[in-house]
């Protein structure tokens, strides 16, 4: 029998008090990877670590203020998680 225990912190703790770049809903954001992943999704979180939605791209419409984005990308060798804040006007 094998037991694995892991602990993580919420995305809001990872971002901390950083506000990120100021953008508006017409800003175009393109994700660039050194090696193209097999798949990826973009999660939008609020400041209390509640998932607001999952998308194929960075969605700015319907968001305002400090918004936390998490990109979950999968390659043959594993999965990577990237978190960044944007301040949306």
N, C-alpha and C. Protein backbone atom coordinates (compact mmCIF):
# COMPACT_ATOMS: atom_id res chain seq x y z
N UNK A 1 0.85 -1.17 0.00
CA UNK A 1 0.00 0.00 0.00
C UNK A 1 0.89 1.23 0.00
N UNK A 2 0.54 2.20 -0.86
CA UNK A 2 1.31 3.43 -0.96
C UNK A 2 0.38 4.60 -0.68
N UNK A 3 0.87 5.53 0.09
CA UNK A 3 0.08 6.72 0.39
C UNK A 3 0.86 7.96 -0.02
N UNK A 4 0.18 8.85 -0.73
CA UNK A 4 0.80 10.10 -1.15
C UNK A 4 -0.03 11.24 -0.57
N UNK A 5 0.65 12.16 0.08
CA UNK A 5 -0.03 13.32 0.64
C UNK A 5 0.59 14.57 0.04
N UNK A 6 -0.26 15.46 -0.42
CA UNK A 6 0.24 16.69 -1.03
C UNK A 6 -0.58 17.86 -0.52
N UNK A 7 0.05 19.02 -0.47
CA UNK A 7 -0.64 20.22 -0.02
C UNK A 7 -0.36 21.33 -1.02
N UNK A 8 -1.38 22.08 -1.35
CA UNK A 8 -1.20 23.19 -2.27
C UNK A 8 -1.79 24.44 -1.65
N UNK A 9 -1.41 25.58 -2.21
CA UNK A 9 -2.02 26.83 -1.79
C UNK A 9 -2.91 27.33 -2.92
N UNK A 10 -3.85 28.17 -2.60
CA UNK A 10 -4.76 28.68 -3.60
C UNK A 10 -4.08 29.65 -4.57
N UNK A 11 -4.70 29.85 -5.72
CA UNK A 11 -4.12 30.72 -6.73
C UNK A 11 -3.99 32.15 -6.22
N UNK A 12 -4.93 32.59 -5.38
CA UNK A 12 -4.85 33.96 -4.85
C UNK A 12 -3.62 34.14 -3.98
N UNK A 13 -3.21 33.10 -3.26
CA UNK A 13 -1.99 33.17 -2.45
C UNK A 13 -0.74 33.18 -3.34
N UNK A 14 -0.78 32.44 -4.44
CA UNK A 14 0.34 32.44 -5.38
C UNK A 14 0.56 33.83 -5.98
N UNK A 15 -0.53 34.50 -6.31
CA UNK A 15 -0.46 35.83 -6.92
C UNK A 15 -0.15 36.89 -5.87
N UNK A 16 -0.64 36.70 -4.66
CA UNK A 16 -0.40 37.66 -3.58
C UNK A 16 -1.06 38.99 -3.87
N UNK A 17 -0.38 40.08 -3.57
CA UNK A 17 -0.97 41.41 -3.75
C UNK A 17 -0.62 42.04 -5.10
N UNK A 18 0.00 41.26 -5.99
CA UNK A 18 0.32 41.78 -7.33
C UNK A 18 -0.96 41.99 -8.14
N UNK A 19 -1.09 43.14 -8.77
CA UNK A 19 -2.28 43.45 -9.58
C UNK A 19 -2.12 43.06 -11.03
N UNK A 20 -0.93 42.97 -11.53
CA UNK A 20 -0.72 42.61 -12.92
C UNK A 20 -0.94 43.80 -13.84
N UNK A 21 -0.66 43.62 -15.12
CA UNK A 21 -0.83 44.69 -16.10
C UNK A 21 -2.29 45.14 -16.20
N UNK A 22 -2.47 46.41 -16.50
CA UNK A 22 -3.82 46.95 -16.71
C UNK A 22 -4.17 46.75 -18.19
N UNK A 23 -5.30 46.10 -18.43
CA UNK A 23 -5.79 45.84 -19.79
C UNK A 23 -7.27 46.21 -19.85
N UNK A 24 -7.82 46.25 -21.06
CA UNK A 24 -9.26 46.42 -21.20
C UNK A 24 -9.81 45.23 -21.98
N UNK A 25 -11.11 45.16 -22.12
CA UNK A 25 -11.71 43.97 -22.72
C UNK A 25 -11.40 43.81 -24.20
N UNK A 26 -10.86 44.85 -24.84
CA UNK A 26 -10.49 44.72 -26.25
C UNK A 26 -9.02 44.35 -26.44
N UNK A 27 -8.28 44.19 -25.34
CA UNK A 27 -6.87 43.79 -25.42
C UNK A 27 -6.77 42.37 -25.97
N UNK A 28 -5.82 42.14 -26.86
CA UNK A 28 -5.59 40.81 -27.41
C UNK A 28 -4.44 40.15 -26.64
N UNK A 29 -4.68 38.99 -26.11
CA UNK A 29 -3.66 38.26 -25.35
C UNK A 29 -3.42 36.92 -26.02
N UNK A 30 -2.18 36.66 -26.36
CA UNK A 30 -1.80 35.42 -27.04
C UNK A 30 -0.85 34.65 -26.14
N UNK A 31 -1.13 33.38 -25.91
CA UNK A 31 -0.24 32.53 -25.13
C UNK A 31 0.80 31.92 -26.05
N UNK A 32 2.06 32.01 -25.66
CA UNK A 32 3.14 31.44 -26.45
C UNK A 32 3.91 30.45 -25.59
N UNK A 33 4.11 29.27 -26.12
CA UNK A 33 4.85 28.21 -25.44
C UNK A 33 6.12 27.91 -26.23
N UNK A 34 7.20 27.63 -25.52
CA UNK A 34 8.44 27.24 -26.20
C UNK A 34 8.20 25.96 -27.00
N UNK A 35 7.49 25.03 -26.38
CA UNK A 35 7.07 23.79 -27.06
C UNK A 35 5.56 23.74 -26.96
N UNK A 36 4.89 23.62 -28.10
CA UNK A 36 3.42 23.62 -28.12
C UNK A 36 2.89 22.43 -27.31
N UNK A 37 1.99 22.68 -26.36
CA UNK A 37 1.43 21.58 -25.57
C UNK A 37 0.44 20.76 -26.38
N UNK A 38 0.17 19.56 -25.91
CA UNK A 38 -0.86 18.71 -26.52
C UNK A 38 -2.21 19.39 -26.36
N UNK A 39 -2.44 19.96 -25.18
CA UNK A 39 -3.67 20.69 -24.91
C UNK A 39 -3.43 21.67 -23.77
N UNK A 40 -4.31 22.65 -23.68
CA UNK A 40 -4.27 23.55 -22.53
C UNK A 40 -5.65 24.16 -22.32
N UNK A 41 -5.88 24.64 -21.12
CA UNK A 41 -7.11 25.35 -20.80
C UNK A 41 -6.74 26.53 -19.91
N UNK A 42 -7.58 27.55 -19.96
CA UNK A 42 -7.37 28.75 -19.17
C UNK A 42 -8.51 28.84 -18.15
N UNK A 43 -8.16 28.79 -16.87
CA UNK A 43 -9.14 28.92 -15.80
C UNK A 43 -9.13 30.35 -15.29
N UNK A 44 -10.31 30.87 -14.96
CA UNK A 44 -10.42 32.20 -14.36
C UNK A 44 -10.89 32.02 -12.92
N UNK A 45 -10.16 32.65 -12.00
CA UNK A 45 -10.44 32.54 -10.57
C UNK A 45 -10.76 33.91 -9.99
N UNK A 46 -11.58 33.94 -8.95
CA UNK A 46 -11.78 35.20 -8.25
C UNK A 46 -10.79 35.27 -7.08
N UNK A 47 -10.83 36.36 -6.33
CA UNK A 47 -9.85 36.59 -5.27
C UNK A 47 -10.05 35.69 -4.06
N UNK A 48 -11.13 34.91 -4.02
CA UNK A 48 -11.35 33.97 -2.92
C UNK A 48 -11.22 32.52 -3.38
N UNK A 49 -10.50 32.32 -4.49
CA UNK A 49 -10.19 30.98 -5.02
C UNK A 49 -11.41 30.20 -5.48
N UNK A 50 -12.41 30.92 -5.97
CA UNK A 50 -13.56 30.26 -6.58
C UNK A 50 -13.38 30.28 -8.09
N UNK A 51 -13.53 29.13 -8.72
CA UNK A 51 -13.39 29.02 -10.17
C UNK A 51 -14.59 29.69 -10.84
N UNK A 52 -14.31 30.68 -11.70
CA UNK A 52 -15.36 31.40 -12.41
C UNK A 52 -15.66 30.78 -13.77
N UNK A 53 -14.68 30.05 -14.34
CA UNK A 53 -14.90 29.41 -15.63
C UNK A 53 -13.62 28.87 -16.22
N UNK A 54 -13.76 27.96 -17.19
CA UNK A 54 -12.64 27.37 -17.91
C UNK A 54 -12.85 27.61 -19.40
N UNK A 55 -11.77 28.04 -20.09
CA UNK A 55 -11.88 28.44 -21.48
C UNK A 55 -10.68 27.93 -22.27
N UNK A 56 -10.75 28.05 -23.58
CA UNK A 56 -9.65 27.66 -24.47
C UNK A 56 -8.63 28.80 -24.60
N UNK A 57 -9.06 30.03 -24.35
CA UNK A 57 -8.20 31.20 -24.47
C UNK A 57 -8.38 32.11 -23.25
N UNK A 58 -7.55 33.14 -23.17
CA UNK A 58 -7.69 34.14 -22.11
C UNK A 58 -8.90 35.00 -22.45
N UNK A 59 -9.93 34.92 -21.63
CA UNK A 59 -11.18 35.65 -21.87
C UNK A 59 -11.22 36.87 -20.95
N UNK A 60 -11.35 38.05 -21.55
CA UNK A 60 -11.40 39.29 -20.78
C UNK A 60 -12.83 39.81 -20.64
N UNK A 61 -13.71 39.50 -21.61
CA UNK A 61 -15.10 39.94 -21.56
C UNK A 61 -15.78 39.45 -20.29
N UNK A 62 -16.54 40.32 -19.66
CA UNK A 62 -17.28 39.93 -18.47
C UNK A 62 -16.46 39.97 -17.20
N UNK A 63 -15.20 40.34 -17.29
CA UNK A 63 -14.32 40.41 -16.12
C UNK A 63 -14.04 41.87 -15.81
N UNK A 64 -13.75 42.17 -14.55
CA UNK A 64 -13.34 43.53 -14.19
C UNK A 64 -12.51 43.47 -12.92
N UNK A 65 -11.65 44.49 -12.78
CA UNK A 65 -10.78 44.54 -11.61
C UNK A 65 -9.70 43.48 -11.69
N UNK A 66 -9.15 43.14 -10.53
CA UNK A 66 -8.10 42.12 -10.47
C UNK A 66 -8.71 40.75 -10.76
N UNK A 67 -8.19 40.11 -11.79
CA UNK A 67 -8.68 38.80 -12.20
C UNK A 67 -7.48 37.87 -12.30
N UNK A 68 -7.61 36.66 -11.77
CA UNK A 68 -6.51 35.70 -11.74
C UNK A 68 -6.75 34.63 -12.81
N UNK A 69 -5.74 34.44 -13.64
CA UNK A 69 -5.79 33.43 -14.71
C UNK A 69 -4.81 32.31 -14.41
N UNK A 70 -5.24 31.09 -14.67
CA UNK A 70 -4.39 29.92 -14.51
C UNK A 70 -4.41 29.17 -15.84
N UNK A 71 -3.24 28.93 -16.39
CA UNK A 71 -3.12 28.15 -17.61
C UNK A 71 -2.63 26.76 -17.22
N UNK A 72 -3.39 25.74 -17.58
CA UNK A 72 -3.02 24.35 -17.31
C UNK A 72 -2.69 23.72 -18.66
N UNK A 73 -1.41 23.47 -18.89
CA UNK A 73 -0.94 22.95 -20.17
C UNK A 73 -0.39 21.54 -19.99
N UNK A 74 -0.68 20.67 -20.96
CA UNK A 74 -0.25 19.27 -20.88
C UNK A 74 0.66 18.92 -22.06
N UNK A 75 1.79 18.34 -21.73
CA UNK A 75 2.74 17.82 -22.71
C UNK A 75 2.90 16.32 -22.45
N UNK A 76 3.59 15.62 -23.33
CA UNK A 76 3.84 14.19 -23.13
C UNK A 76 4.56 13.94 -21.82
N UNK A 77 5.44 14.86 -21.42
CA UNK A 77 6.24 14.67 -20.21
C UNK A 77 5.55 15.13 -18.93
N UNK A 78 4.35 15.72 -19.04
CA UNK A 78 3.65 16.14 -17.83
C UNK A 78 2.81 17.38 -18.04
N UNK A 79 2.35 17.93 -16.93
CA UNK A 79 1.46 19.07 -16.93
C UNK A 79 2.11 20.24 -16.22
N UNK A 80 1.94 21.43 -16.77
CA UNK A 80 2.46 22.64 -16.16
C UNK A 80 1.32 23.58 -15.80
N UNK A 81 1.48 24.30 -14.69
CA UNK A 81 0.48 25.24 -14.21
C UNK A 81 1.12 26.63 -14.15
N UNK A 82 0.49 27.60 -14.79
CA UNK A 82 0.99 28.97 -14.81
C UNK A 82 -0.11 29.89 -14.31
N UNK A 83 0.23 30.77 -13.38
CA UNK A 83 -0.77 31.67 -12.79
C UNK A 83 -0.30 33.11 -12.97
N UNK A 84 -1.24 33.98 -13.39
CA UNK A 84 -0.90 35.40 -13.52
C UNK A 84 -2.15 36.25 -13.31
N UNK A 85 -1.97 37.45 -12.73
CA UNK A 85 -3.11 38.36 -12.56
C UNK A 85 -3.15 39.39 -13.68
N UNK A 86 -4.35 39.88 -13.98
CA UNK A 86 -4.55 41.01 -14.86
C UNK A 86 -5.52 41.95 -14.16
N UNK A 87 -5.35 43.25 -14.36
CA UNK A 87 -6.29 44.23 -13.86
C UNK A 87 -7.08 44.71 -15.07
N UNK A 88 -8.38 44.41 -15.08
CA UNK A 88 -9.20 44.67 -16.27
C UNK A 88 -10.09 45.89 -16.02
N UNK A 89 -9.94 46.89 -16.89
CA UNK A 89 -10.78 48.10 -16.82
C UNK A 89 -11.97 47.96 -17.72
